[in-house]
PDB file of N, CA and C in Angstrom:
ATOM      1  N   MET A   1    -113.910 167.568 329.792  1.00  0.00           N
ATOM      2  CA  MET A   1    -112.566 167.905 330.311  1.00  0.00           C
ATOM      3  C   MET A   1    -111.460 168.330 329.074  1.00  0.00           C
ATOM      4  N   SER A   2    -110.740 169.218 329.307  1.00  0.00           N
ATOM      5  CA  SER A   2    -109.732 169.652 328.449  1.00  0.00           C
ATOM      6  C   SER A   2    -108.560 168.644 328.540  1.00  0.00           C
ATOM      7  N   GLU A   3    -107.904 168.644 327.446  1.00  0.00           N
ATOM      8  CA  GLU A   3    -106.594 167.908 327.426  1.00  0.00           C
ATOM      9  C   GLU A   3    -105.292 168.705 327.738  1.00  0.00           C
ATOM     10  N   GLU A   4    -105.356 169.882 328.287  1.00  0.00           N
ATOM     11  CA  GLU A   4    -104.260 170.743 328.460  1.00  0.00           C
ATOM     12  C   GLU A   4    -103.399 170.181 329.645  1.00  0.00           C
ATOM     13  N   PRO A   5    -102.221 170.375 329.420  1.00  0.00           N
ATOM     14  CA  PRO A   5    -101.319 169.961 330.672  1.00  0.00           C
ATOM     15  C   PRO A   5    -101.592 170.588 332.058  1.00  0.00           C
ATOM     16  N   MET A   6    -101.349 170.077 333.129  1.00  0.00           N
ATOM     17  CA  MET A   6    -101.629 170.709 334.413  1.00  0.00           C
ATOM     18  C   MET A   6    -100.494 171.649 334.645  1.00  0.00           C
ATOM     19  N   PRO A   7    -100.916 172.988 335.126  1.00  0.00           N
ATOM     20  CA  PRO A   7     -99.840 173.868 335.418  1.00  0.00           C
ATOM     21  C   PRO A   7     -98.968 173.453 336.538  1.00  0.00           C
ATOM     22  N   GLN A   8     -97.611 173.811 336.441  1.00  0.00           N
ATOM     23  CA  GLN A   8     -96.690 173.426 337.511  1.00  0.00           C
ATOM     24  C   GLN A   8     -96.866 174.323 338.705  1.00  0.00           C
ATOM     25  N   GLN A   9     -96.569 173.815 339.892  1.00  0.00           N
ATOM     26  CA  GLN A   9     -96.788 174.434 341.081  1.00  0.00           C
ATOM     27  C   GLN A   9     -95.625 175.571 341.261  1.00  0.00           C
ATOM     28  N   SER A  10     -94.415 175.331 340.853  1.00  0.00           N
ATOM     29  CA  SER A  10     -93.291 176.264 340.973  1.00  0.00           C
ATOM     30  C   SER A  10     -93.110 176.931 339.839  1.00  0.00           C
ATOM     31  N   GLY A  11     -92.510 178.143 340.036  1.00  0.00           N
ATOM     32  CA  GLY A  11     -92.106 178.944 338.844  1.00  0.00           C
ATOM     33  C   GLY A  11     -93.201 179.954 338.483  1.00  0.00           C
ATOM     34  N   GLY A  12     -92.921 181.194 338.037  1.00  0.00           N
ATOM     35  CA  GLY A  12     -93.933 182.155 337.864  1.00  0.00           C
ATOM     36  C   GLY A  12     -94.573 182.043 336.547  1.00  0.00           C
ATOM     37  N   THR A  13     -93.879 181.411 335.556  1.00  0.00           N
ATOM     38  CA  THR A  13     -94.547 181.141 334.251  1.00  0.00           C
ATOM     39  C   THR A  13     -95.503 180.050 334.196  1.00  0.00           C
ATOM     40  N   GLY A  14     -96.448 180.104 333.355  1.00  0.00           N
ATOM     41  CA  GLY A  14     -97.400 179.057 333.224  1.00  0.00           C
ATOM     42  C   GLY A  14     -96.922 177.742 332.466  1.00  0.00           C
ATOM     43  N   ARG A  15     -95.754 177.847 331.920  1.00  0.00           N
ATOM     44  CA  ARG A  15     -95.192 176.737 331.033  1.00  0.00           C
ATOM     45  C   ARG A  15     -94.803 175.667 331.959  1.00  0.00           C
ATOM     46  N   PRO A  16     -95.131 174.413 331.653  1.00  0.00           N
ATOM     47  CA  PRO A  16     -94.627 173.283 332.366  1.00  0.00           C
ATOM     48  C   PRO A  16     -93.175 173.160 332.143  1.00  0.00           C
ATOM     49  N   LYS A  17     -92.501 172.833 333.242  1.00  0.00           N
ATOM     50  CA  LYS A  17     -91.005 172.541 333.251  1.00  0.00           C
ATOM     51  C   LYS A  17     -90.648 171.210 332.758  1.00  0.00           C
ATOM     52  N   GLY A  18     -89.375 171.099 332.187  1.00  0.00           N
ATOM     53  CA  GLY A  18     -88.932 169.782 331.822  1.00  0.00           C
ATOM     54  C   GLY A  18     -88.564 168.982 333.009  1.00  0.00           C
ATOM     55  N   LEU A  19     -88.600 167.796 332.853  1.00  0.00           N
ATOM     56  CA  LEU A  19     -88.215 166.908 334.081  1.00  0.00           C
ATOM     57  C   LEU A  19     -86.757 167.190 334.548  1.00  0.00           C
ATOM     58  N   LEU A  20     -85.803 167.362 333.592  1.00  0.00           N
ATOM     59  CA  LEU A  20     -84.535 167.590 333.910  1.00  0.00           C
ATOM     60  C   LEU A  20     -84.355 168.752 334.737  1.00  0.00           C
ATOM     61  N   GLN A  21     -84.999 169.874 334.333  1.00  0.00           N
ATOM     62  CA  GLN A  21     -85.040 171.111 334.996  1.00  0.00           C
ATOM     63  C   GLN A  21     -85.529 171.000 336.409  1.00  0.00           C
ATOM     64  N   GLN A  22     -86.596 170.287 336.534  1.00  0.00           N
ATOM     65  CA  GLN A  22     -87.264 170.076 337.955  1.00  0.00           C
ATOM     66  C   GLN A  22     -86.321 169.135 338.835  1.00  0.00           C
ATOM     67  N   MET A  23     -85.632 168.294 338.199  1.00  0.00           N
ATOM     68  CA  MET A  23     -84.769 167.491 338.970  1.00  0.00           C
ATOM     69  C   MET A  23     -83.464 168.222 339.407  1.00  0.00           C
ATOM     70  N   GLU A  24     -82.975 169.280 338.649  1.00  0.00           N
ATOM     71  CA  GLU A  24     -81.902 170.084 338.838  1.00  0.00           C
ATOM     72  C   GLU A  24     -82.266 171.087 339.953  1.00  0.00           C
ATOM     73  N   GLU A  25     -83.480 171.500 340.036  1.00  0.00           N
ATOM     74  CA  GLU A  25     -83.905 172.323 341.098  1.00  0.00           C
ATOM     75  C   GLU A  25     -84.126 171.615 342.370  1.00  0.00           C
ATOM     76  N   LEU A  26     -84.579 170.478 342.210  1.00  0.00           N
ATOM     77  CA  LEU A  26     -84.776 169.665 343.559  1.00  0.00           C
ATOM     78  C   LEU A  26     -83.387 169.304 344.071  1.00  0.00           C
ATOM     79  N   MET A  27     -82.451 168.961 343.200  1.00  0.00           N
ATOM     80  CA  MET A  27     -81.092 168.672 343.666  1.00  0.00           C
ATOM     81  C   MET A  27     -80.478 169.944 344.299  1.00  0.00           C
ATOM     82  N   ALA A  28     -80.559 171.015 343.736  1.00  0.00           N
ATOM     83  CA  ALA A  28     -80.092 172.277 344.334  1.00  0.00           C
ATOM     84  C   ALA A  28     -80.660 172.588 345.643  1.00  0.00           C
ATOM     85  N   ALA A  29     -82.058 172.368 345.863  1.00  0.00           N
ATOM     86  CA  ALA A  29     -82.587 172.697 347.094  1.00  0.00           C
ATOM     87  C   ALA A  29     -82.186 171.693 348.147  1.00  0.00           C
ATOM     88  N   LEU A  30     -81.997 170.306 347.708  1.00  0.00           N
ATOM     89  CA  LEU A  30     -81.470 169.203 348.629  1.00  0.00           C
ATOM     90  C   LEU A  30     -80.047 169.565 349.025  1.00  0.00           C
ATOM     91  N   ASN A  31     -79.299 169.943 348.066  1.00  0.00           N
ATOM     92  CA  ASN A  31     -77.821 170.385 348.438  1.00  0.00           C
ATOM     93  C   ASN A  31     -77.780 171.510 349.387  1.00  0.00           C
ATOM     94  N   ALA A  32     -78.654 172.537 349.285  1.00  0.00           N
ATOM     95  CA  ALA A  32     -78.627 173.701 350.249  1.00  0.00           C
ATOM     96  C   ALA A  32     -79.063 173.127 351.606  1.00  0.00           C
ATOM     97  N   ASP A  33     -80.023 172.361 351.692  1.00  0.00           N
ATOM     98  CA  ASP A  33     -80.473 171.773 352.919  1.00  0.00           C
ATOM     99  C   ASP A  33     -79.413 170.915 353.636  1.00  0.00           C
ATOM    100  N   LEU A  34     -78.742 170.200 352.866  1.00  0.00           N
ATOM    101  CA  LEU A  34     -77.607 169.366 353.428  1.00  0.00           C
ATOM    102  C   LEU A  34     -76.436 170.199 353.909  1.00  0.00           C
ATOM    103  N   SER A  35     -76.213 171.215 353.154  1.00  0.00           N
ATOM    104  CA  SER A  35     -75.042 172.091 353.583  1.00  0.00           C
ATOM    105  C   SER A  35     -75.419 172.768 354.865  1.00  0.00           C
ATOM    106  N   ALA A  36     -76.696 173.228 355.038  1.00  0.00           N
ATOM    107  CA  ALA A  36     -77.054 173.933 356.196  1.00  0.00           C
ATOM    108  C   ALA A  36     -77.076 172.914 357.408  1.00  0.00           C
ATOM    109  N   LEU A  37     -77.308 171.705 357.115  1.00  0.00           N
ATOM    110  CA  LEU A  37     -77.346 170.663 358.156  1.00  0.00           C
ATOM    111  C   LEU A  37     -75.931 170.316 358.564  1.00  0.00           C
ATOM    112  N   ASP A  38     -75.032 170.260 357.611  1.00  0.00           N
ATOM    113  CA  ASP A  38     -73.650 169.955 357.809  1.00  0.00           C
ATOM    114  C   ASP A  38     -73.113 171.127 358.701  1.00  0.00           C
ATOM    115  N   ALA A  39     -73.400 172.256 358.366  1.00  0.00           N
ATOM    116  CA  ALA A  39     -72.934 173.505 359.196  1.00  0.00           C
ATOM    117  C   ALA A  39     -73.304 173.369 360.650  1.00  0.00           C
ATOM    118  N   ASP A  40     -74.653 172.986 360.822  1.00  0.00           N
ATOM    119  CA  ASP A  40     -75.162 172.792 362.190  1.00  0.00           C
ATOM    120  C   ASP A  40     -74.467 171.621 362.878  1.00  0.00           C
ATOM    121  N   LEU A  41     -74.170 170.602 362.154  1.00  0.00           N
ATOM    122  CA  LEU A  41     -73.481 169.473 362.891  1.00  0.00           C
ATOM    123  C   LEU A  41     -71.947 169.854 363.171  1.00  0.00           C
ATOM    124  N   GLN A  42     -71.338 170.700 362.439  1.00  0.00           N
ATOM    125  CA  GLN A  42     -69.963 170.932 362.588  1.00  0.00           C
ATOM    126  C   GLN A  42     -69.770 172.010 363.617  1.00  0.00           C
ATOM    127  N   ARG A  43     -70.823 172.714 364.125  1.00  0.00           N
ATOM    128  CA  ARG A  43     -70.797 173.761 365.131  1.00  0.00           C
ATOM    129  C   ARG A  43     -70.556 173.038 366.499  1.00  0.00           C
ATOM    130  N   PRO A  44     -69.628 173.506 367.424  1.00  0.00           N
ATOM    131  CA  PRO A  44     -69.559 172.814 368.688  1.00  0.00           C
ATOM    132  C   PRO A  44     -70.939 173.012 369.445  1.00  0.00           C
ATOM    133  N   PRO A  45     -71.209 172.095 370.354  1.00  0.00           N
ATOM    134  CA  PRO A  45     -72.384 172.318 371.086  1.00  0.00           C
ATOM    135  C   PRO A  45     -72.384 173.495 371.975  1.00  0.00           C
ATOM    136  N   ALA A  46     -73.526 174.123 372.274  1.00  0.00           N
ATOM    137  CA  ALA A  46     -73.518 175.201 373.242  1.00  0.00           C
ATOM    138  C   ALA A  46     -73.556 174.658 374.611  1.00  0.00           C
ATOM    139  N   PRO A  47     -72.874 175.358 375.465  1.00  0.00           N
ATOM    140  CA  PRO A  47     -72.939 174.887 376.907  1.00  0.00           C
ATOM    141  C   PRO A  47     -74.491 175.039 377.507  1.00  0.00           C
ATOM    142  N   GLN A  48     -74.827 173.913 378.169  1.00  0.00           N
ATOM    143  CA  GLN A  48     -76.128 173.995 378.742  1.00  0.00           C
ATOM    144  C   GLN A  48     -76.182 174.281 380.224  1.00  0.00           C
ATOM    145  N   GLY A  49     -76.874 175.259 380.700  1.00  0.00           N
ATOM    146  CA  GLY A  49     -77.002 175.558 382.037  1.00  0.00           C
ATOM    147  C   GLY A  49     -75.895 176.126 382.646  1.00  0.00           C
ATOM    148  N   GLU A  50     -75.103 175.419 383.439  1.00  0.00           N
ATOM    149  CA  GLU A  50     -73.940 175.868 384.263  1.00  0.00           C
ATOM    150  C   GLU A  50     -72.758 176.280 383.418  1.00  0.00           C
ATOM    151  N   SER A  51     -72.169 177.305 383.696  1.00  0.00           N
ATOM    152  CA  SER A  51     -70.820 177.611 383.063  1.00  0.00           C
ATOM    153  C   SER A  51     -69.661 177.371 384.001  1.00  0.00           C
ATOM    154  N   GLU A  52     -68.455 177.245 383.543  1.00  0.00           N
ATOM    155  CA  GLU A  52     -67.370 176.743 384.336  1.00  0.00           C
ATOM    156  C   GLU A  52     -66.481 178.029 384.645  1.00  0.00           C
ATOM    157  N   VAL A  53     -67.054 179.153 384.918  1.00  0.00           N
ATOM    158  CA  VAL A  53     -66.342 180.417 385.262  1.00  0.00           C
ATOM    159  C   VAL A  53     -66.193 180.303 386.845  1.00  0.00           C
ATOM    160  N   GLY A  54     -65.057 180.405 387.406  1.00  0.00           N
ATOM    161  CA  GLY A  54     -64.719 180.564 388.643  1.00  0.00           C
ATOM    162  C   GLY A  54     -65.177 179.402 389.464  1.00  0.00           C
TER     163      GLY A  54
END
């Protein structure tokens, strides 16, 4: 078996990323997910079924 480092899953280059860069990317993705969730929670609920027209 060779002693070469395992290639990283993410990123187009074959170079392994630093731990700090991986953490920054994970935090950015998490922040985007939380922002989308917050937007969904801030939206008023859609009326279900019956409408109050007339």
